C-alpha atoms as a PDB file:
ATOM      1  CA  MET A   1       0.029  -0.049  -0.043  1.00  0.00           C
ATOM      2  CA  LEU A   2       2.881   2.423   0.871  1.00  0.00           C
ATOM      3  CA  LYS A   3       4.464   1.741  -2.531  1.00  0.00           C
ATOM      4  CA  TYR A   4       1.280   2.663  -4.266  1.00  0.00           C
ATOM      5  CA  ARG A   5       0.920   5.857  -2.107  1.00  0.00           C
ATOM      6  CA  LEU A   6       4.416   7.024  -2.940  1.00  0.00           C
ATOM      7  CA  ILE A   7       4.068   6.318  -6.692  1.00  0.00           C
ATOM      8  CA  SER A   8       0.728   8.166  -6.724  1.00  0.00           C
ATOM      9  CA  ALA A   9       2.359  11.210  -4.871  1.00  0.00           C
ATOM     10  CA  PHE A  10       5.252  11.256  -7.220  1.00  0.00           C
ATOM     11  CA  VAL A  11       2.964  11.414 -10.265  1.00  0.00           C
ATOM     12  CA  LEU A  12       0.339  13.604  -8.931  1.00  0.00           C
ATOM     13  CA  ILE A  13       2.387  16.428  -7.312  1.00  0.00           C
ATOM     14  CA  PRO A  14       4.140  17.392 -10.510  1.00  0.00           C
ATOM     15  CA  VAL A  15       0.948  17.279 -12.554  1.00  0.00           C
ATOM     16  CA  VAL A  16      -0.753  19.599  -9.966  1.00  0.00           C
ATOM     17  CA  ILE A  17       2.002  22.064  -9.861  1.00  0.00           C
ATOM     18  CA  ALA A  18       2.180  22.015 -13.696  1.00  0.00           C
ATOM     19  CA  ALA A  19      -1.523  22.814 -13.813  1.00  0.00           C
ATOM     20  CA  LEU A  20      -1.249  25.685 -11.373  1.00  0.00           C
ATOM     21  CA  PHE A  21       1.436  27.346 -13.380  1.00  0.00           C
ATOM     22  CA  LEU A  22       1.019  26.439 -16.987  1.00  0.00           C
ATOM     23  CA  LEU A  23      -2.694  26.317 -17.681  1.00  0.00           C
ATOM     24  CA  PRO A  24      -4.524  29.523 -18.661  1.00  0.00           C
ATOM     25  CA  PRO A  25      -7.681  30.481 -16.487  1.00  0.00           C
ATOM     26  CA  VAL A  26     -10.095  28.901 -18.791  1.00  0.00           C
ATOM     27  CA  ALA A  27      -8.166  25.574 -19.047  1.00  0.00           C
ATOM     28  CA  PHE A  28      -7.659  25.730 -15.167  1.00  0.00           C
ATOM     29  CA  ALA A  29     -11.333  26.237 -14.577  1.00  0.00           C
ATOM     30  CA  ILE A  30     -12.250  23.304 -16.830  1.00  0.00           C
ATOM     31  CA  VAL A  31      -9.806  21.010 -14.850  1.00  0.00           C
ATOM     32  CA  THR A  32     -11.095  22.188 -11.609  1.00  0.00           C
ATOM     33  CA  LEU A  33     -14.697  21.701 -12.793  1.00  0.00           C
ATOM     34  CA  LEU A  34     -13.778  18.001 -13.745  1.00  0.00           C
ATOM     35  CA  VAL A  35     -12.208  17.443 -10.272  1.00  0.00           C
ATOM     36  CA  CYS A  36     -15.386  18.674  -8.612  1.00  0.00           C
ATOM     37  CA  MET A  37     -17.502  16.475 -10.794  1.00  0.00           C
ATOM     38  CA  LEU A  38     -15.592  13.542  -9.556  1.00  0.00           C
ATOM     39  CA  ALA A  39     -15.946  14.829  -5.982  1.00  0.00           C
ATOM     40  CA  ALA A  40     -19.637  14.978  -6.498  1.00  0.00           C
ATOM     41  CA  TRP A  41     -19.931  11.459  -7.981  1.00  0.00           C
ATOM     42  CA  GLU A  42     -18.054  10.215  -4.624  1.00  0.00           C
ATOM     43  CA  TRP A  43     -20.314  12.424  -2.498  1.00  0.00           C
ATOM     44  CA  GLY A  44     -23.274  10.619  -3.909  1.00  0.00           C
ATOM     45  CA  GLN A  45     -22.081   7.516  -1.822  1.00  0.00           C
ATOM     46  CA  LEU A  46     -21.849   9.707   1.206  1.00  0.00           C
ATOM     47  CA  SER A  47     -25.297  10.953   0.483  1.00  0.00           C
ATOM     48  CA  GLY A  48     -26.706   7.349   0.409  1.00  0.00           C
ATOM     49  CA  PHE A  49     -27.011   6.936  -3.220  1.00  0.00           C
ATOM     50  CA  LYS A  50     -25.907   3.315  -4.022  1.00  0.00           C
ATOM     51  CA  SER A  51     -26.762   3.245  -7.752  1.00  0.00           C
ATOM     52  CA  ARG A  52     -23.946   4.091  -9.952  1.00  0.00           C
ATOM     53  CA  SER A  53     -26.357   5.810 -12.445  1.00  0.00           C
ATOM     54  CA  GLN A  54     -27.627   8.137  -9.755  1.00  0.00           C
ATOM     55  CA  ARG A  55     -24.166   9.200  -8.700  1.00  0.00           C
ATOM     56  CA  VAL A  56     -23.205   9.816 -12.391  1.00  0.00           C
ATOM     57  CA  TRP A  57     -26.307  12.073 -12.721  1.00  0.00           C
ATOM     58  CA  LEU A  58     -25.311  13.793  -9.605  1.00  0.00           C
ATOM     59  CA  ALA A  59     -21.778  14.486 -11.026  1.00  0.00           C
ATOM     60  CA  VAL A  60     -23.352  15.881 -14.216  1.00  0.00           C
ATOM     61  CA  LEU A  61     -25.680  18.068 -12.314  1.00  0.00           C
ATOM     62  CA  CYS A  62     -22.762  19.530 -10.423  1.00  0.00           C
ATOM     63  CA  GLY A  63     -20.829  20.126 -13.576  1.00  0.00           C
ATOM     64  CA  LEU A  64     -23.766  21.864 -15.128  1.00  0.00           C
ATOM     65  CA  ILE A  65     -24.389  24.103 -12.212  1.00  0.00           C
ATOM     66  CA  LEU A  66     -20.583  25.141 -12.164  1.00  0.00           C
ATOM     67  CA  ALA A  67     -20.608  25.519 -15.956  1.00  0.00           C
ATOM     68  CA  ALA A  68     -23.661  27.684 -15.750  1.00  0.00           C
ATOM     69  CA  MET A  69     -22.048  29.998 -13.089  1.00  0.00           C
ATOM     70  CA  LEU A  70     -19.019  30.244 -15.185  1.00  0.00           C
ATOM     71  CA  PHE A  71     -21.094  30.967 -18.298  1.00  0.00           C
ATOM     72  CA  TRP A  72     -22.816  33.931 -16.321  1.00  0.00           C
ATOM     73  CA  LEU A  73     -19.378  35.242 -15.267  1.00  0.00           C
ATOM     74  CA  PRO A  74     -17.242  35.006 -18.314  1.00  0.00           C
ATOM     75  CA  GLN A  75     -14.961  37.853 -16.964  1.00  0.00           C
ATOM     76  CA  TYR A  76     -14.832  36.708 -13.359  1.00  0.00           C
ATOM     77  CA  HIS A  77     -10.972  36.669 -13.308  1.00  0.00           C
ATOM     78  CA  HIS A  78     -11.007  40.383 -14.094  1.00  0.00           C
ATOM     79  CA  ASN A  79     -13.082  41.103 -10.906  1.00  0.00           C
ATOM     80  CA  VAL A  80     -13.682  38.551  -8.080  1.00  0.00           C
ATOM     81  CA  HIS A  81     -15.850  40.943  -6.124  1.00  0.00           C
ATOM     82  CA  GLN A  82     -19.236  39.773  -7.694  1.00  0.00           C
ATOM     83  CA  PRO A  83     -22.229  38.667  -5.797  1.00  0.00           C
ATOM     84  CA  LEU A  84     -22.293  35.206  -7.019  1.00  0.00           C
ATOM     85  CA  VAL A  85     -18.620  34.478  -6.190  1.00  0.00           C
ATOM     86  CA  GLU A  86     -18.746  36.343  -2.972  1.00  0.00           C
ATOM     87  CA  GLY A  87     -21.940  34.574  -1.833  1.00  0.00           C
ATOM     88  CA  ALA A  88     -20.242  31.244  -2.574  1.00  0.00           C
ATOM     89  CA  LEU A  89     -17.240  31.983  -0.504  1.00  0.00           C
ATOM     90  CA  TRP A  90     -19.357  33.534   2.431  1.00  0.00           C
ATOM     91  CA  ALA A  91     -21.536  30.321   2.213  1.00  0.00           C
ATOM     92  CA  SER A  92     -18.492  28.314   2.730  1.00  0.00           C
ATOM     93  CA  LEU A  93     -17.654  30.229   5.864  1.00  0.00           C
ATOM     94  CA  GLY A  94     -21.073  29.724   7.163  1.00  0.00           C
ATOM     95  CA  TRP A  95     -21.164  25.888   6.120  1.00  0.00           C
ATOM     96  CA  TRP A  96     -17.840  25.078   7.905  1.00  0.00           C
ATOM     97  CA  ILE A  97     -19.157  26.783  11.088  1.00  0.00           C
ATOM     98  CA  VAL A  98     -22.179  24.423  10.884  1.00  0.00           C
ATOM     99  CA  ALA A  99     -20.018  21.519  10.223  1.00  0.00           C
ATOM    100  CA  LEU A 100     -17.821  22.284  13.266  1.00  0.00           C
ATOM    101  CA  LEU A 101     -21.065  21.873  15.292  1.00  0.00           C
ATOM    102  CA  LEU A 102     -21.990  18.721  13.604  1.00  0.00           C
ATOM    103  CA  VAL A 103     -18.457  17.076  14.227  1.00  0.00           C
ATOM    104  CA  LEU A 104     -18.398  18.404  17.933  1.00  0.00           C
ATOM    105  CA  PHE A 105     -21.890  16.870  18.785  1.00  0.00           C
ATOM    106  CA  TYR A 106     -21.426  13.726  16.704  1.00  0.00           C
ATOM    107  CA  PRO A 107     -22.949  11.163  16.905  1.00  0.00           C
ATOM    108  CA  GLY A 108     -25.937  12.992  18.194  1.00  0.00           C
ATOM    109  CA  SER A 109     -25.926  15.523  15.649  1.00  0.00           C
ATOM    110  CA  ALA A 110     -26.319  12.917  12.878  1.00  0.00           C
ATOM    111  CA  ALA A 111     -29.958  12.385  13.792  1.00  0.00           C
ATOM    112  CA  LEU A 112     -30.490  15.662  12.137  1.00  0.00           C
ATOM    113  CA  TRP A 113     -29.313  14.543   8.782  1.00  0.00           C
ATOM    114  CA  ARG A 114     -28.713  10.825   8.790  1.00  0.00           C
ATOM    115  CA  ASP A 115     -32.070   9.990   7.007  1.00  0.00           C
ATOM    116  CA  SER A 116     -32.158  12.939   4.511  1.00  0.00           C
ATOM    117  CA  LYS A 117     -30.419  12.532   1.301  1.00  0.00           C
ATOM    118  CA  THR A 118     -31.487  16.021   0.393  1.00  0.00           C
ATOM    119  CA  LEU A 119     -29.741  17.544   3.237  1.00  0.00           C
ATOM    120  CA  ARG A 120     -26.564  15.475   2.716  1.00  0.00           C
ATOM    121  CA  LEU A 121     -26.661  16.624  -0.905  1.00  0.00           C
ATOM    122  CA  VAL A 122     -26.940  20.212   0.208  1.00  0.00           C
ATOM    123  CA  PHE A 123     -23.960  19.664   2.474  1.00  0.00           C
ATOM    124  CA  GLY A 124     -22.112  18.293  -0.510  1.00  0.00           C
ATOM    125  CA  LEU A 125     -23.001  21.372  -2.729  1.00  0.00           C
ATOM    126  CA  LEU A 126     -21.739  23.677   0.112  1.00  0.00           C
ATOM    127  CA  THR A 127     -18.517  21.759   0.125  1.00  0.00           C
ATOM    128  CA  ILE A 128     -17.747  21.558  -3.685  1.00  0.00           C
ATOM    129  CA  ILE A 129     -19.129  24.800  -5.145  1.00  0.00           C
ATOM    130  CA  PRO A 130     -17.328  27.120  -2.789  1.00  0.00           C
ATOM    131  CA  PHE A 131     -14.027  25.002  -3.263  1.00  0.00           C
ATOM    132  CA  PHE A 132     -14.354  25.633  -6.954  1.00  0.00           C
ATOM    133  CA  TRP A 133     -14.700  29.291  -6.597  1.00  0.00           C
ATOM    134  CA  GLY A 134     -11.991  29.393  -4.029  1.00  0.00           C
ATOM    135  CA  MET A 135      -9.592  27.792  -6.489  1.00  0.00           C
ATOM    136  CA  LEU A 136     -10.605  30.101  -9.281  1.00  0.00           C
ATOM    137  CA  THR A 137     -10.506  33.302  -7.326  1.00  0.00           C
ATOM    138  CA  LEU A 138      -7.016  32.591  -5.786  1.00  0.00           C
ATOM    139  CA  ARG A 139      -5.769  31.592  -9.158  1.00  0.00           C
ATOM    140  CA  ALA A 140      -7.105  34.856 -10.561  1.00  0.00           C
ATOM    141  CA  TRP A 141      -4.994  36.906  -7.969  1.00  0.00           C
ATOM    142  CA  HIS A 142      -3.571  39.879  -9.909  1.00  0.00           C
ATOM    143  CA  TYR A 143      -3.691  37.910 -13.101  1.00  0.00           C
ATOM    144  CA  ASP A 144      -3.607  40.730 -15.438  1.00  0.00           C
ATOM    145  CA  ASP A 145      -0.329  42.040 -13.861  1.00  0.00           C
ATOM    146  CA  ASN A 146       1.370  38.834 -13.272  1.00  0.00           C
ATOM    147  CA  HIS A 147       0.072  35.451 -14.535  1.00  0.00           C
ATOM    148  CA  TYR A 148       1.827  33.406 -11.785  1.00  0.00           C
ATOM    149  CA  SER A 149       0.659  35.501  -8.843  1.00  0.00           C
ATOM    150  CA  GLY A 150      -2.351  33.420  -8.158  1.00  0.00           C
ATOM    151  CA  ALA A 151      -0.503  30.080  -8.811  1.00  0.00           C
ATOM    152  CA  LEU A 152       1.856  31.078  -6.004  1.00  0.00           C
ATOM    153  CA  TRP A 153      -1.159  31.609  -3.570  1.00  0.00           C
ATOM    154  CA  LEU A 154      -2.823  28.453  -4.460  1.00  0.00           C
ATOM    155  CA  LEU A 155       0.680  26.560  -4.149  1.00  0.00           C
ATOM    156  CA  TYR A 156       1.024  28.323  -0.783  1.00  0.00           C
ATOM    157  CA  VAL A 157      -2.352  26.976   0.559  1.00  0.00           C
ATOM    158  CA  MET A 158      -1.590  23.475  -0.769  1.00  0.00           C
ATOM    159  CA  ILE A 159       1.839  23.532   1.042  1.00  0.00           C
ATOM    160  CA  LEU A 160       0.115  24.941   4.181  1.00  0.00           C
ATOM    161  CA  VAL A 161      -2.401  22.115   4.143  1.00  0.00           C
ATOM    162  CA  TRP A 162      -0.011  19.332   3.317  1.00  0.00           C
ATOM    163  CA  GLY A 163       2.579  20.872   5.812  1.00  0.00           C
ATOM    164  CA  ALA A 164      -0.012  21.093   8.608  1.00  0.00           C
ATOM    165  CA  ASP A 165      -1.146  17.529   7.983  1.00  0.00           C
ATOM    166  CA  SER A 166       2.430  16.196   8.065  1.00  0.00           C
ATOM    167  CA  GLY A 167       3.264  18.279  11.153  1.00  0.00           C
ATOM    168  CA  ALA A 168       0.099  16.849  12.888  1.00  0.00           C
ATOM    169  CA  TYR A 169       1.010  13.314  11.881  1.00  0.00           C
ATOM    170  CA  MET A 170       4.638  13.706  13.351  1.00  0.00           C
ATOM    171  CA  PHE A 171       3.677  15.491  16.505  1.00  0.00           C
ATOM    172  CA  GLY A 172       0.862  12.992  17.093  1.00  0.00           C
ATOM    173  CA  LYS A 173       3.125  10.023  16.494  1.00  0.00           C
ATOM    174  CA  LEU A 174       5.610  11.559  19.059  1.00  0.00           C
ATOM    175  CA  PHE A 175       3.521  13.116  21.645  1.00  0.00           C
ATOM    176  CA  GLY A 176      -0.086  12.030  21.006  1.00  0.00           C
ATOM    177  CA  LYS A 177      -1.919  11.035  24.070  1.00  0.00           C
ATOM    178  CA  HIS A 178      -5.374  12.797  24.206  1.00  0.00           C
ATOM    179  CA  LYS A 179      -7.806  12.050  21.363  1.00  0.00           C
ATOM    180  CA  LEU A 180      -9.079  14.965  19.380  1.00  0.00           C
ATOM    181  CA  ALA A 181     -12.477  13.555  18.158  1.00  0.00           C
ATOM    182  CA  PRO A 182     -12.474   9.894  19.133  1.00  0.00           C
ATOM    183  CA  LYS A 183     -15.916   9.285  17.805  1.00  0.00           C
ATOM    184  CA  VAL A 184     -15.163  10.740  14.415  1.00  0.00           C
ATOM    185  CA  SER A 185     -11.602   9.901  13.848  1.00  0.00           C
ATOM    186  CA  PRO A 186      -9.886   7.985  16.678  1.00  0.00           C
ATOM    187  CA  GLY A 187      -6.362   8.454  15.173  1.00  0.00           C
ATOM    188  CA  LYS A 188      -6.186  12.220  15.638  1.00  0.00           C
ATOM    189  CA  THR A 189      -4.909  13.759  18.854  1.00  0.00           C
ATOM    190  CA  TRP A 190      -4.787  17.214  20.448  1.00  0.00           C
ATOM    191  CA  GLN A 191      -1.123  17.125  20.504  1.00  0.00           C
ATOM    192  CA  GLY A 192      -0.972  16.438  16.648  1.00  0.00           C
ATOM    193  CA  PHE A 193      -3.557  19.222  16.296  1.00  0.00           C
ATOM    194  CA  ILE A 194      -1.465  21.774  18.060  1.00  0.00           C
ATOM    195  CA  GLY A 195       1.658  20.458  16.140  1.00  0.00           C
ATOM    196  CA  GLY A 196      -0.052  20.988  12.825  1.00  0.00           C
ATOM    197  CA  LEU A 197      -0.973  24.569  13.727  1.00  0.00           C
ATOM    198  CA  PHE A 198       2.688  25.243  14.798  1.00  0.00           C
ATOM    199  CA  THR A 199       3.789  23.845  11.396  1.00  0.00           C
ATOM    200  CA  ALA A 200       1.425  25.963   9.605  1.00  0.00           C
ATOM    201  CA  ALA A 201       2.559  29.076  11.423  1.00  0.00           C
ATOM    202  CA  VAL A 202       6.286  28.182  10.555  1.00  0.00           C
ATOM    203  CA  ILE A 203       5.236  27.688   6.910  1.00  0.00           C
ATOM    204  CA  SER A 204       3.493  31.076   6.837  1.00  0.00           C
ATOM    205  CA  TRP A 205       6.656  32.721   8.164  1.00  0.00           C
ATOM    206  CA  ILE A 206       9.028  30.949   5.791  1.00  0.00           C
ATOM    207  CA  TYR A 207       6.795  31.261   2.705  1.00  0.00           C
ATOM    208  CA  GLY A 208       6.233  35.123   3.483  1.00  0.00           C
ATOM    209  CA  LEU A 209      10.039  35.615   3.763  1.00  0.00           C
ATOM    210  CA  CYS A 210      10.842  33.799   0.438  1.00  0.00           C
ATOM    211  CA  VAL A 211       8.026  34.845  -1.828  1.00  0.00           C
ATOM    212  CA  ASN A 212       6.733  38.455  -2.333  1.00  0.00           C
ATOM    213  CA  LEU A 213       2.979  37.884  -1.559  1.00  0.00           C
ATOM    214  CA  ASP A 214       2.322  41.697  -0.953  1.00  0.00           C
ATOM    215  CA  VAL A 215       0.219  40.928   2.111  1.00  0.00           C
ATOM    216  CA  ALA A 216       1.035  42.083   5.700  1.00  0.00           C
ATOM    217  CA  PRO A 217       2.597  39.146   7.849  1.00  0.00           C
ATOM    218  CA  ALA A 218      -0.101  39.390  10.489  1.00  0.00           C
ATOM    219  CA  ILE A 219      -2.900  39.023   7.894  1.00  0.00           C
ATOM    220  CA  LEU A 220      -1.039  36.141   6.239  1.00  0.00           C
ATOM    221  CA  LEU A 221      -0.547  34.342   9.492  1.00  0.00           C
ATOM    222  CA  THR A 222      -4.218  34.755  10.507  1.00  0.00           C
ATOM    223  CA  CYS A 223      -5.626  33.502   7.309  1.00  0.00           C
ATOM    224  CA  SER A 224      -3.114  30.635   7.270  1.00  0.00           C
ATOM    225  CA  LEU A 225      -3.912  29.489  10.942  1.00  0.00           C
ATOM    226  CA  VAL A 226      -7.691  29.650  10.329  1.00  0.00           C
ATOM    227  CA  ALA A 227      -7.230  27.762   6.999  1.00  0.00           C
ATOM    228  CA  ALA A 228      -5.270  25.176   8.782  1.00  0.00           C
ATOM    229  CA  LEU A 229      -7.950  24.849  11.395  1.00  0.00           C
ATOM    230  CA  ALA A 230     -10.408  24.512   8.409  1.00  0.00           C
ATOM    231  CA  SER A 231      -8.356  21.896   6.883  1.00  0.00           C
ATOM    232  CA  VAL A 232      -8.655  19.614   9.953  1.00  0.00           C
ATOM    233  CA  LEU A 233     -12.419  20.236  10.038  1.00  0.00           C
ATOM    234  CA  GLY A 234     -12.550  19.269   6.400  1.00  0.00           C
ATOM    235  CA  ASP A 235     -10.946  16.027   7.126  1.00  0.00           C
ATOM    236  CA  LEU A 236     -13.063  15.405  10.270  1.00  0.00           C
ATOM    237  CA  THR A 237     -16.270  16.253   8.421  1.00  0.00           C
ATOM    238  CA  GLU A 238     -15.584  13.699   5.622  1.00  0.00           C
ATOM    239  CA  SER A 239     -14.717  11.126   8.134  1.00  0.00           C
ATOM    240  CA  MET A 240     -17.912  11.713   9.907  1.00  0.00           C
ATOM    241  CA  PHE A 241     -19.879  11.272   6.587  1.00  0.00           C
ATOM    242  CA  LYS A 242     -17.967   8.206   5.715  1.00  0.00           C
ATOM    243  CA  ARG A 243     -18.533   6.628   9.090  1.00  0.00           C
ATOM    244  CA  GLU A 244     -22.363   7.107   8.564  1.00  0.00           C
ATOM    245  CA  ALA A 245     -22.079   5.628   5.215  1.00  0.00           C
ATOM    246  CA  GLY A 246     -20.229   2.668   6.367  1.00  0.00           C
ATOM    247  CA  ILE A 247     -17.233   3.022   4.014  1.00  0.00           C
ATOM    248  CA  LYS A 248     -13.375   3.573   4.545  1.00  0.00           C
ATOM    249  CA  ASP A 249     -12.485   5.402   1.378  1.00  0.00           C
ATOM    250  CA  SER A 250     -14.782   7.764  -0.609  1.00  0.00           C
ATOM    251  CA  GLY A 251     -13.578   5.937  -3.869  1.00  0.00           C
ATOM    252  CA  HIS A 252     -10.731   4.046  -5.500  1.00  0.00           C
ATOM    253  CA  LEU A 253      -9.607   6.405  -8.227  1.00  0.00           C
ATOM    254  CA  ILE A 254      -6.037   7.007  -6.995  1.00  0.00           C
ATOM    255  CA  PRO A 255      -4.094   3.793  -6.016  1.00  0.00           C
ATOM    256  CA  GLY A 256      -3.069   3.759  -2.212  1.00  0.00           C
ATOM    257  CA  HIS A 257      -4.960   7.080  -1.610  1.00  0.00           C
ATOM    258  CA  GLY A 258      -8.640   6.220  -2.069  1.00  0.00           C
ATOM    259  CA  GLY A 259     -10.831   8.672  -3.884  1.00  0.00           C
ATOM    260  CA  ILE A 260     -10.695  12.210  -4.889  1.00  0.00           C
ATOM    261  CA  LEU A 261     -12.559  13.441  -1.815  1.00  0.00           C
ATOM    262  CA  ASP A 262      -9.928  11.507   0.322  1.00  0.00           C
ATOM    263  CA  ARG A 263      -7.263  13.623  -1.149  1.00  0.00           C
ATOM    264  CA  ILE A 264      -8.908  16.965  -1.276  1.00  0.00           C
ATOM    265  CA  ASP A 265     -11.074  16.876   1.810  1.00  0.00           C
ATOM    266  CA  SER A 266      -8.776  19.242   3.695  1.00  0.00           C
ATOM    267  CA  LEU A 267      -8.473  21.572   0.711  1.00  0.00           C
ATOM    268  CA  THR A 268     -12.191  21.808   0.244  1.00  0.00           C
ATOM    269  CA  ALA A 269     -12.309  23.564   3.568  1.00  0.00           C
ATOM    270  CA  ALA A 270      -9.079  25.431   3.493  1.00  0.00           C
ATOM    271  CA  VAL A 271      -9.163  26.839   0.025  1.00  0.00           C
ATOM    272  CA  PRO A 272     -12.500  28.742   0.212  1.00  0.00           C
ATOM    273  CA  VAL A 273     -11.979  29.879   3.786  1.00  0.00           C
ATOM    274  CA  PHE A 274      -8.595  31.222   3.003  1.00  0.00           C
ATOM    275  CA  ALA A 275      -9.936  32.927   0.066  1.00  0.00           C
ATOM    276  CA  CYS A 276     -12.777  34.356   1.943  1.00  0.00           C
ATOM    277  CA  LEU A 277     -10.551  35.758   4.665  1.00  0.00           C
ATOM    278  CA  LEU A 278      -8.003  37.143   2.286  1.00  0.00           C
ATOM    279  CA  LEU A 279     -10.218  38.701  -0.413  1.00  0.00           C
ATOM    280  CA  LEU A 280     -13.501  39.475   1.348  1.00  0.00           C
ATOM    281  CA  VAL A 281     -12.713  39.971   5.275  1.00  0.00           C
ATOM    282  CA  PHE A 282      -9.296  41.755   4.850  1.00  0.00           C
ATOM    283  CA  ARG A 283      -9.931  42.990   1.337  1.00  0.00           C
ATOM    284  CA  THR A 284      -6.401  42.472   0.147  1.00  0.00           C
ATOM    285  CA  ILE A 285      -7.375  42.713  -3.563  1.00  0.00           C
END
């Protein structure tokens, strides 16, 4: 299993970085849309849809919704402060606050949504659609002035999430004693959680020194720590839905890694929350 995980990582990481820096906005939007469709297909299983055809239609519906939003906003990358985009990012902030409550009070909270496919689908849309717009708005950062500014921001968020996850794993292995959310994800500890936040703070400081991000260090640190918190919540939320669905992995698309959602669960929370704070709360663009 470890061999497959390493091979997949060595293949996927260069592909992701190449997509960030080499694809123009339209092509990047299409690739992101396809990733979101795959995520929606897997979310169908978390929503209780066992039929493959039903999940395919769910993926198609998600793709049509995102394509329609793009069609209505053909020039979104010149002005991200548009009601539809801002609404999606604010909705993400609201959804992850709700998700935090669902995780904190699980399994009692599951009684509110366990028997409702519609509600679970709404949760899926609130996860996937803001993630889509978070990816696109960050990629569009000062695009007219520098085609790579947004790519550096997205790369930063990805490094932040991956680094915080690795830091949490190492600190958890070395010092982990107290469970963070034993009823949702027994492997996570408070020591690992704190270690992950510490790692995120270090990454924020180093990246701010090495790359000209044109943002005050205090703002960058605040956005980074909240995004790191959100990334943990994204992981826990997917674990909660998988536990209710009785599955270990959301899919089997990536050898050794499970499905698309298993790889981007942290990013689905971190990216839109980071974008919302950076672009809407602190108005840095």
